[in-house]
Amino acid sequence: MIKDLHANQGSVEVSGEITDVTEPKSFTKFGTQGKVASATLKDKTGTVTLTLWNDQVDQFKKGDTVKITNGYVKEWQGELQISTGKFGKIEKI
């Protein structure tokens, strides 16, 4: 559940509805182009920012219900953010 998330938490499994997605931003890191967008993930206990990277930006949209497996939670500018990191996955349910 989203209310149970805390900073620097790994191996997170959480499900919810994407209620908002920002316009993707392009970036270059180590000579490779990529894109990133922020989404709001909501369940019955609260909301958290979900960071979508590269292919995920095109795969998920507002209104999708998703499950994150082996996700990672970090804190950025005082707010919790969850992403799949290198080893997690996100899927529509």
PDB file of N, CA and C in Angstrom:
ATOM      1  N   MET A   1       0.838  -1.185   0.000  1.00  0.00           N
ATOM      2  CA  MET A   1       0.000   0.000   0.000  1.00  0.00           C
ATOM      3  C   MET A   1       0.882   1.246   0.000  1.00  0.00           C
ATOM      4  N   ILE A   2       0.408   2.256  -0.682  1.00  0.00           N
ATOM      5  CA  ILE A   2       1.200   3.475  -0.829  1.00  0.00           C
ATOM      6  C   ILE A   2       1.523   4.116   0.518  1.00  0.00           C
ATOM      7  N   LYS A   3       0.605   4.096   1.461  1.00  0.00           N
ATOM      8  CA  LYS A   3       0.852   4.740   2.758  1.00  0.00           C
ATOM      9  C   LYS A   3       2.010   4.091   3.510  1.00  0.00           C
ATOM     10  N   ASP A   4       2.369   2.857   3.159  1.00  0.00           N
ATOM     11  CA  ASP A   4       3.444   2.132   3.847  1.00  0.00           C
ATOM     12  C   ASP A   4       4.822   2.373   3.232  1.00  0.00           C
ATOM     13  N   LEU A   5       4.898   3.120   2.130  1.00  0.00           N
ATOM     14  CA  LEU A   5       6.182   3.347   1.473  1.00  0.00           C
ATOM     15  C   LEU A   5       7.033   4.329   2.266  1.00  0.00           C
ATOM     16  N   HIS A   6       8.345   4.121   2.209  1.00  0.00           N
ATOM     17  CA  HIS A   6       9.275   5.072   2.822  1.00  0.00           C
ATOM     18  C   HIS A   6      10.549   5.149   1.990  1.00  0.00           C
ATOM     19  N   ALA A   7      11.303   6.222   2.180  1.00  0.00           N
ATOM     20  CA  ALA A   7      12.498   6.482   1.372  1.00  0.00           C
ATOM     21  C   ALA A   7      13.519   5.352   1.510  1.00  0.00           C
ATOM     22  N   ASN A   8      14.242   5.111   0.410  1.00  0.00           N
ATOM     23  CA  ASN A   8      15.308   4.109   0.344  1.00  0.00           C
ATOM     24  C   ASN A   8      14.807   2.695   0.608  1.00  0.00           C
ATOM     25  N   GLN A   9      13.598   2.447   0.170  1.00  0.00           N
ATOM     26  CA  GLN A   9      12.989   1.126   0.328  1.00  0.00           C
ATOM     27  C   GLN A   9      13.087   0.391  -1.000  1.00  0.00           C
ATOM     28  N   GLY A  10      13.576  -0.843  -0.978  1.00  0.00           N
ATOM     29  CA  GLY A  10      13.667  -1.656  -2.188  1.00  0.00           C
ATOM     30  C   GLY A  10      12.712  -2.820  -2.128  1.00  0.00           C
ATOM     31  N   SER A  11      12.673  -3.591  -3.195  1.00  0.00           N
ATOM     32  CA  SER A  11      11.819  -4.779  -3.293  1.00  0.00           C
ATOM     33  C   SER A  11      10.367  -4.448  -2.991  1.00  0.00           C
ATOM     34  N   VAL A  12       9.890  -3.316  -3.514  1.00  0.00           N
ATOM     35  CA  VAL A  12       8.536  -2.844  -3.248  1.00  0.00           C
ATOM     36  C   VAL A  12       7.563  -3.441  -4.265  1.00  0.00           C
ATOM     37  N   GLU A  13       6.418  -3.887  -3.768  1.00  0.00           N
ATOM     38  CA  GLU A  13       5.333  -4.315  -4.641  1.00  0.00           C
ATOM     39  C   GLU A  13       4.114  -3.478  -4.296  1.00  0.00           C
ATOM     40  N   VAL A  14       3.584  -2.773  -5.297  1.00  0.00           N
ATOM     41  CA  VAL A  14       2.435  -1.907  -5.062  1.00  0.00           C
ATOM     42  C   VAL A  14       1.603  -1.831  -6.338  1.00  0.00           C
ATOM     43  N   SER A  15       0.293  -1.683  -6.172  1.00  0.00           N
ATOM     44  CA  SER A  15      -0.617  -1.539  -7.309  1.00  0.00           C
ATOM     45  C   SER A  15      -1.426  -0.265  -7.127  1.00  0.00           C
ATOM     46  N   GLY A  16      -1.868   0.301  -8.254  1.00  0.00           N
ATOM     47  CA  GLY A  16      -2.708   1.476  -8.177  1.00  0.00           C
ATOM     48  C   GLY A  16      -3.083   1.972  -9.557  1.00  0.00           C
ATOM     49  N   GLU A  17      -3.809   3.082  -9.554  1.00  0.00           N
ATOM     50  CA  GLU A  17      -4.258   3.696 -10.806  1.00  0.00           C
ATOM     51  C   GLU A  17      -3.409   4.927 -11.093  1.00  0.00           C
ATOM     52  N   ILE A  18      -3.011   5.065 -12.350  1.00  0.00           N
ATOM     53  CA  ILE A  18      -2.300   6.266 -12.776  1.00  0.00           C
ATOM     54  C   ILE A  18      -3.343   7.354 -12.996  1.00  0.00           C
ATOM     55  N   THR A  19      -3.261   8.429 -12.197  1.00  0.00           N
ATOM     56  CA  THR A  19      -4.271   9.479 -12.266  1.00  0.00           C
ATOM     57  C   THR A  19      -3.792  10.715 -13.020  1.00  0.00           C
ATOM     58  N   ASP A  20      -2.482  10.770 -13.314  1.00  0.00           N
ATOM     59  CA  ASP A  20      -1.941  11.914 -14.035  1.00  0.00           C
ATOM     60  C   ASP A  20      -0.568  11.553 -14.571  1.00  0.00           C
ATOM     61  N   VAL A  21      -0.205  12.087 -15.736  1.00  0.00           N
ATOM     62  CA  VAL A  21       1.129  11.883 -16.308  1.00  0.00           C
ATOM     63  C   VAL A  21       1.606  13.207 -16.884  1.00  0.00           C
ATOM     64  N   THR A  22       2.853  13.579 -16.583  1.00  0.00           N
ATOM     65  CA  THR A  22       3.417  14.811 -17.122  1.00  0.00           C
ATOM     66  C   THR A  22       3.902  14.585 -18.550  1.00  0.00           C
ATOM     67  N   GLU A  23       4.149  15.687 -19.260  1.00  0.00           N
ATOM     68  CA  GLU A  23       4.770  15.593 -20.576  1.00  0.00           C
ATOM     69  C   GLU A  23       6.167  15.005 -20.411  1.00  0.00           C
ATOM     70  N   PRO A  24       6.556  14.060 -21.269  1.00  0.00           N
ATOM     71  CA  PRO A  24       7.889  13.477 -21.135  1.00  0.00           C
ATOM     72  C   PRO A  24       8.986  14.509 -21.437  1.00  0.00           C
ATOM     73  N   LYS A  25      10.107  14.344 -20.768  1.00  0.00           N
ATOM     74  CA  LYS A  25      11.283  15.175 -21.011  1.00  0.00           C
ATOM     75  C   LYS A  25      12.372  14.298 -21.605  1.00  0.00           C
ATOM     76  N   SER A  26      13.078  14.840 -22.595  1.00  0.00           N
ATOM     77  CA  SER A  26      14.199  14.116 -23.194  1.00  0.00           C
ATOM     78  C   SER A  26      15.482  14.488 -22.477  1.00  0.00           C
ATOM     79  N   PHE A  27      16.412  13.539 -22.431  1.00  0.00           N
ATOM     80  CA  PHE A  27      17.708  13.800 -21.816  1.00  0.00           C
ATOM     81  C   PHE A  27      18.770  12.960 -22.512  1.00  0.00           C
ATOM     82  N   THR A  28      20.015  13.336 -22.305  1.00  0.00           N
ATOM     83  CA  THR A  28      21.143  12.555 -22.801  1.00  0.00           C
ATOM     84  C   THR A  28      22.037  12.238 -21.612  1.00  0.00           C
ATOM     85  N   LYS A  29      22.332  10.961 -21.436  1.00  0.00           N
ATOM     86  CA  LYS A  29      23.204  10.535 -20.342  1.00  0.00           C
ATOM     87  C   LYS A  29      24.205   9.536 -20.893  1.00  0.00           C
ATOM     88  N   PHE A  30      25.472   9.812 -20.672  1.00  0.00           N
ATOM     89  CA  PHE A  30      26.549   8.958 -21.186  1.00  0.00           C
ATOM     90  C   PHE A  30      26.418   8.736 -22.691  1.00  0.00           C
ATOM     91  N   GLY A  31      25.982   9.791 -23.391  1.00  0.00           N
ATOM     92  CA  GLY A  31      25.872   9.722 -24.841  1.00  0.00           C
ATOM     93  C   GLY A  31      24.638   9.007 -25.362  1.00  0.00           C
ATOM     94  N   THR A  32      23.763   8.583 -24.478  1.00  0.00           N
ATOM     95  CA  THR A  32      22.550   7.872 -24.881  1.00  0.00           C
ATOM     96  C   THR A  32      21.337   8.748 -24.605  1.00  0.00           C
ATOM     97  N   GLN A  33      20.442   8.808 -25.595  1.00  0.00           N
ATOM     98  CA  GLN A  33      19.215   9.590 -25.434  1.00  0.00           C
ATOM     99  C   GLN A  33      18.183   8.777 -24.660  1.00  0.00           C
ATOM    100  N   GLY A  34      17.396   9.481 -23.871  1.00  0.00           N
ATOM    101  CA  GLY A  34      16.319   8.818 -23.141  1.00  0.00           C
ATOM    102  C   GLY A  34      15.200   9.792 -22.886  1.00  0.00           C
ATOM    103  N   LYS A  35      14.141   9.294 -22.255  1.00  0.00           N
ATOM    104  CA  LYS A  35      13.053  10.185 -21.861  1.00  0.00           C
ATOM    105  C   LYS A  35      12.495   9.733 -20.525  1.00  0.00           C
ATOM    106  N   VAL A  36      11.925  10.701 -19.827  1.00  0.00           N
ATOM    107  CA  VAL A  36      11.387  10.438 -18.497  1.00  0.00           C
ATOM    108  C   VAL A  36      10.113  11.252 -18.309  1.00  0.00           C
ATOM    109  N   ALA A  37       9.151  10.676 -17.581  1.00  0.00           N
ATOM    110  CA  ALA A  37       7.912  11.381 -17.246  1.00  0.00           C
ATOM    111  C   ALA A  37       7.536  11.014 -15.815  1.00  0.00           C
ATOM    112  N   SER A  38       6.818  11.900 -15.172  1.00  0.00           N
ATOM    113  CA  SER A  38       6.312  11.634 -13.825  1.00  0.00           C
ATOM    114  C   SER A  38       4.818  11.365 -13.904  1.00  0.00           C
ATOM    115  N   ALA A  39       4.394  10.377 -13.159  1.00  0.00           N
ATOM    116  CA  ALA A  39       2.974  10.038 -13.089  1.00  0.00           C
ATOM    117  C   ALA A  39       2.561  10.038 -11.619  1.00  0.00           C
ATOM    118  N   THR A  40       1.280  10.204 -11.387  1.00  0.00           N
ATOM    119  CA  THR A  40       0.749  10.077 -10.032  1.00  0.00           C
ATOM    120  C   THR A  40       0.084   8.718  -9.931  1.00  0.00           C
ATOM    121  N   LEU A  41       0.531   7.913  -8.965  1.00  0.00           N
ATOM    122  CA  LEU A  41      -0.021   6.587  -8.725  1.00  0.00           C
ATOM    123  C   LEU A  41      -0.867   6.652  -7.459  1.00  0.00           C
ATOM    124  N   LYS A  42      -2.111   6.170  -7.552  1.00  0.00           N
ATOM    125  CA  LYS A  42      -3.056   6.289  -6.432  1.00  0.00           C
ATOM    126  C   LYS A  42      -3.632   4.926  -6.081  1.00  0.00           C
ATOM    127  N   ASP A  43      -3.694   4.667  -4.779  1.00  0.00           N
ATOM    128  CA  ASP A  43      -4.488   3.538  -4.299  1.00  0.00           C
ATOM    129  C   ASP A  43      -5.404   4.066  -3.196  1.00  0.00           C
ATOM    130  N   LYS A  44      -6.088   3.178  -2.501  1.00  0.00           N
ATOM    131  CA  LYS A  44      -7.064   3.639  -1.498  1.00  0.00           C
ATOM    132  C   LYS A  44      -6.402   4.293  -0.292  1.00  0.00           C
ATOM    133  N   THR A  45      -5.067   4.165  -0.162  1.00  0.00           N
ATOM    134  CA  THR A  45      -4.381   4.713   1.009  1.00  0.00           C
ATOM    135  C   THR A  45      -3.649   6.026   0.735  1.00  0.00           C
ATOM    136  N   GLY A  46      -3.496   6.412  -0.544  1.00  0.00           N
ATOM    137  CA  GLY A  46      -2.794   7.659  -0.839  1.00  0.00           C
ATOM    138  C   GLY A  46      -2.254   7.703  -2.254  1.00  0.00           C
ATOM    139  N   THR A  47      -1.333   8.656  -2.477  1.00  0.00           N
ATOM    140  CA  THR A  47      -0.716   8.817  -3.794  1.00  0.00           C
ATOM    141  C   THR A  47       0.801   8.906  -3.643  1.00  0.00           C
ATOM    142  N   VAL A  48       1.494   8.582  -4.733  1.00  0.00           N
ATOM    143  CA  VAL A  48       2.949   8.684  -4.785  1.00  0.00           C
ATOM    144  C   VAL A  48       3.330   9.015  -6.226  1.00  0.00           C
ATOM    145  N   THR A  49       4.459   9.690  -6.389  1.00  0.00           N
ATOM    146  CA  THR A  49       4.959   9.970  -7.735  1.00  0.00           C
ATOM    147  C   THR A  49       5.622   8.717  -8.282  1.00  0.00           C
ATOM    148  N   LEU A  50       5.231   8.342  -9.490  1.00  0.00           N
ATOM    149  CA  LEU A  50       5.795   7.201 -10.198  1.00  0.00           C
ATOM    150  C   LEU A  50       6.644   7.742 -11.336  1.00  0.00           C
ATOM    151  N   THR A  51       7.914   7.366 -11.368  1.00  0.00           N
ATOM    152  CA  THR A  51       8.800   7.817 -12.436  1.00  0.00           C
ATOM    153  C   THR A  51       8.797   6.776 -13.545  1.00  0.00           C
ATOM    154  N   LEU A  52       8.435   7.213 -14.762  1.00  0.00           N
ATOM    155  CA  LEU A  52       8.416   6.349 -15.944  1.00  0.00           C
ATOM    156  C   LEU A  52       9.630   6.673 -16.807  1.00  0.00           C
ATOM    157  N   TRP A  53      10.389   5.649 -17.173  1.00  0.00           N
ATOM    158  CA  TRP A  53      11.605   5.825 -17.968  1.00  0.00           C
ATOM    159  C   TRP A  53      11.443   5.230 -19.360  1.00  0.00           C
ATOM    160  N   ASN A  54      11.969   5.925 -20.360  1.00  0.00           N
ATOM    161  CA  ASN A  54      12.118   5.444 -21.732  1.00  0.00           C
ATOM    162  C   ASN A  54      10.859   4.766 -22.276  1.00  0.00           C
ATOM    163  N   ASP A  55      10.892   3.447 -22.543  1.00  0.00           N
ATOM    164  CA  ASP A  55       9.747   2.749 -23.143  1.00  0.00           C
ATOM    165  C   ASP A  55       8.500   2.825 -22.267  1.00  0.00           C
ATOM    166  N   GLN A  56       8.684   2.915 -20.956  1.00  0.00           N
ATOM    167  CA  GLN A  56       7.530   2.988 -20.049  1.00  0.00           C
ATOM    168  C   GLN A  56       6.693   4.239 -20.314  1.00  0.00           C
ATOM    169  N   VAL A  57       7.337   5.319 -20.772  1.00  0.00           N
ATOM    170  CA  VAL A  57       6.629   6.578 -21.024  1.00  0.00           C
ATOM    171  C   VAL A  57       5.509   6.369 -22.043  1.00  0.00           C
ATOM    172  N   ASP A  58       5.767   5.544 -23.064  1.00  0.00           N
ATOM    173  CA  ASP A  58       4.775   5.304 -24.118  1.00  0.00           C
ATOM    174  C   ASP A  58       3.797   4.180 -23.768  1.00  0.00           C
ATOM    175  N   GLN A  59       4.156   3.331 -22.818  1.00  0.00           N
ATOM    176  CA  GLN A  59       3.329   2.160 -22.506  1.00  0.00           C
ATOM    177  C   GLN A  59       2.185   2.451 -21.540  1.00  0.00           C
ATOM    178  N   PHE A  60       2.339   3.493 -20.714  1.00  0.00           N
ATOM    179  CA  PHE A  60       1.366   3.726 -19.657  1.00  0.00           C
ATOM    180  C   PHE A  60       0.780   5.126 -19.746  1.00  0.00           C
ATOM    181  N   LYS A  61      -0.522   5.239 -19.424  1.00  0.00           N
ATOM    182  CA  LYS A  61      -1.197   6.537 -19.532  1.00  0.00           C
ATOM    183  C   LYS A  61      -2.199   6.686 -18.382  1.00  0.00           C
ATOM    184  N   LYS A  62      -2.726   7.890 -18.289  1.00  0.00           N
ATOM    185  CA  LYS A  62      -3.733   8.189 -17.279  1.00  0.00           C
ATOM    186  C   LYS A  62      -4.895   7.199 -17.403  1.00  0.00           C
ATOM    187  N   GLY A  63      -5.332   6.676 -16.261  1.00  0.00           N
ATOM    188  CA  GLY A  63      -6.444   5.720 -16.249  1.00  0.00           C
ATOM    189  C   GLY A  63      -6.011   4.274 -16.184  1.00  0.00           C
ATOM    190  N   ASP A  64      -4.728   3.989 -16.479  1.00  0.00           N
ATOM    191  CA  ASP A  64      -4.232   2.612 -16.402  1.00  0.00           C
ATOM    192  C   ASP A  64      -4.103   2.186 -14.944  1.00  0.00           C
ATOM    193  N   THR A  65      -4.452   0.933 -14.675  1.00  0.00           N
ATOM    194  CA  THR A  65      -4.175   0.336 -13.380  1.00  0.00           C
ATOM    195  C   THR A  65      -2.942  -0.535 -13.551  1.00  0.00           C
ATOM    196  N   VAL A  66      -1.952  -0.314 -12.690  1.00  0.00           N
ATOM    197  CA  VAL A  66      -0.666  -0.979 -12.861  1.00  0.00           C
ATOM    198  C   VAL A  66      -0.209  -1.659 -11.578  1.00  0.00           C
ATOM    199  N   LYS A  67       0.686  -2.611 -11.749  1.00  0.00           N
ATOM    200  CA  LYS A  67       1.340  -3.282 -10.622  1.00  0.00           C
ATOM    201  C   LYS A  67       2.842  -3.127 -10.807  1.00  0.00           C
ATOM    202  N   ILE A  68       3.501  -2.658  -9.759  1.00  0.00           N
ATOM    203  CA  ILE A  68       4.951  -2.525  -9.757  1.00  0.00           C
ATOM    204  C   ILE A  68       5.507  -3.644  -8.888  1.00  0.00           C
ATOM    205  N   THR A  69       6.453  -4.378  -9.434  1.00  0.00           N
ATOM    206  CA  THR A  69       7.091  -5.470  -8.722  1.00  0.00           C
ATOM    207  C   THR A  69       8.573  -5.170  -8.598  1.00  0.00           C
ATOM    208  N   ASN A  70       9.123  -5.370  -7.419  1.00  0.00           N
ATOM    209  CA  ASN A  70      10.546  -5.126  -7.145  1.00  0.00           C
ATOM    210  C   ASN A  70      10.918  -3.666  -7.434  1.00  0.00           C
ATOM    211  N   GLY A  71      10.013  -2.756  -7.086  1.00  0.00           N
ATOM    212  CA  GLY A  71      10.259  -1.333  -7.283  1.00  0.00           C
ATOM    213  C   GLY A  71      11.188  -0.761  -6.225  1.00  0.00           C
ATOM    214  N   TYR A  72      11.554   0.506  -6.414  1.00  0.00           N
ATOM    215  CA  TYR A  72      12.457   1.182  -5.491  1.00  0.00           C
ATOM    216  C   TYR A  72      11.879   2.556  -5.153  1.00  0.00           C
ATOM    217  N   VAL A  73      11.900   2.908  -3.871  1.00  0.00           N
ATOM    218  CA  VAL A  73      11.384   4.197  -3.424  1.00  0.00           C
ATOM    219  C   VAL A  73      12.557   5.076  -3.005  1.00  0.00           C
ATOM    220  N   LYS A  74      12.552   6.317  -3.498  1.00  0.00           N
ATOM    221  CA  LYS A  74      13.555   7.283  -3.061  1.00  0.00           C
ATOM    222  C   LYS A  74      12.841   8.584  -2.724  1.00  0.00           C
ATOM    223  N   GLU A  75      13.586   9.490  -2.122  1.00  0.00           N
ATOM    224  CA  GLU A  75      13.032  10.792  -1.800  1.00  0.00           C
ATOM    225  C   GLU A  75      13.719  11.830  -2.675  1.00  0.00           C
ATOM    226  N   TRP A  76      12.932  12.700  -3.297  1.00  0.00           N
ATOM    227  CA  TRP A  76      13.458  13.752  -4.160  1.00  0.00           C
ATOM    228  C   TRP A  76      12.737  15.040  -3.806  1.00  0.00           C
ATOM    229  N   GLN A  77      13.478  16.041  -3.406  1.00  0.00           N
ATOM    230  CA  GLN A  77      12.918  17.341  -3.029  1.00  0.00           C
ATOM    231  C   GLN A  77      11.777  17.193  -2.022  1.00  0.00           C
ATOM    232  N   GLY A  78      11.989  16.302  -1.057  1.00  0.00           N
ATOM    233  CA  GLY A  78      11.040  16.141   0.029  1.00  0.00           C
ATOM    234  C   GLY A  78       9.843  15.262  -0.260  1.00  0.00           C
ATOM    235  N   GLU A  79       9.770  14.699  -1.471  1.00  0.00           N
ATOM    236  CA  GLU A  79       8.635  13.849  -1.828  1.00  0.00           C
ATOM    237  C   GLU A  79       9.105  12.454  -2.205  1.00  0.00           C
ATOM    238  N   LEU A  80       8.299  11.451  -1.854  1.00  0.00           N
ATOM    239  CA  LEU A  80       8.622  10.082  -2.225  1.00  0.00           C
ATOM    240  C   LEU A  80       8.340   9.855  -3.703  1.00  0.00           C
ATOM    241  N   GLN A  81       9.215   9.082  -4.328  1.00  0.00           N
ATOM    242  CA  GLN A  81       9.029   8.681  -5.721  1.00  0.00           C
ATOM    243  C   GLN A  81       9.302   7.192  -5.808  1.00  0.00           C
ATOM    244  N   ILE A  82       8.523   6.508  -6.638  1.00  0.00           N
ATOM    245  CA  ILE A  82       8.744   5.086  -6.866  1.00  0.00           C
ATOM    246  C   ILE A  82       9.080   4.882  -8.337  1.00  0.00           C
ATOM    247  N   SER A  83      10.008   3.975  -8.602  1.00  0.00           N
ATOM    248  CA  SER A  83      10.326   3.606  -9.982  1.00  0.00           C
ATOM    249  C   SER A  83      10.683   2.127 -10.007  1.00  0.00           C
ATOM    250  N   THR A  84      10.821   1.595 -11.205  1.00  0.00           N
ATOM    251  CA  THR A  84      11.163   0.184 -11.330  1.00  0.00           C
ATOM    252  C   THR A  84      12.664  -0.032 -11.162  1.00  0.00           C
ATOM    253  N   GLY A  85      13.439   1.047 -11.277  1.00  0.00           N
ATOM    254  CA  GLY A  85      14.881   0.885 -11.157  1.00  0.00           C
ATOM    255  C   GLY A  85      15.401  -0.066 -12.207  1.00  0.00           C
ATOM    256  N   LYS A  86      16.538  -0.666 -11.937  1.00  0.00           N
ATOM    257  CA  LYS A  86      17.172  -1.558 -12.906  1.00  0.00           C
ATOM    258  C   LYS A  86      16.539  -2.947 -12.922  1.00  0.00           C
ATOM    259  N   PHE A  87      15.994  -3.388 -11.784  1.00  0.00           N
ATOM    260  CA  PHE A  87      15.582  -4.786 -11.671  1.00  0.00           C
ATOM    261  C   PHE A  87      14.080  -4.990 -11.505  1.00  0.00           C
ATOM    262  N   GLY A  88      13.321  -3.899 -11.380  1.00  0.00           N
ATOM    263  CA  GLY A  88      11.887  -4.044 -11.183  1.00  0.00           C
ATOM    264  C   GLY A  88      11.129  -4.089 -12.495  1.00  0.00           C
ATOM    265  N   LYS A  89       9.809  -4.251 -12.381  1.00  0.00           N
ATOM    266  CA  LYS A  89       8.966  -4.206 -13.588  1.00  0.00           C
ATOM    267  C   LYS A  89       7.642  -3.572 -13.248  1.00  0.00           C
ATOM    268  N   ILE A  90       6.993  -3.081 -14.297  1.00  0.00           N
ATOM    269  CA  ILE A  90       5.671  -2.493 -14.171  1.00  0.00           C
ATOM    270  C   ILE A  90       4.801  -3.099 -15.259  1.00  0.00           C
ATOM    271  N   GLU A  91       3.573  -3.430 -14.896  1.00  0.00           N
ATOM    272  CA  GLU A  91       2.675  -4.041 -15.879  1.00  0.00           C
ATOM    273  C   GLU A  91       1.249  -3.568 -15.637  1.00  0.00           C
ATOM    274  N   LYS A  92       0.474  -3.516 -16.724  1.00  0.00           N
ATOM    275  CA  LYS A  92      -0.946  -3.198 -16.600  1.00  0.00           C
ATOM    276  C   LYS A  92      -1.673  -4.401 -16.037  1.00  0.00           C
ATOM    277  N   ILE A  93      -2.653  -4.110 -15.166  1.00  0.00           N
ATOM    278  CA  ILE A  93      -3.454  -5.221 -14.621  1.00  0.00           C
ATOM    279  C   ILE A  93      -4.930  -4.943 -14.859  1.00  0.00           C
TER     280      ILE A  93
END
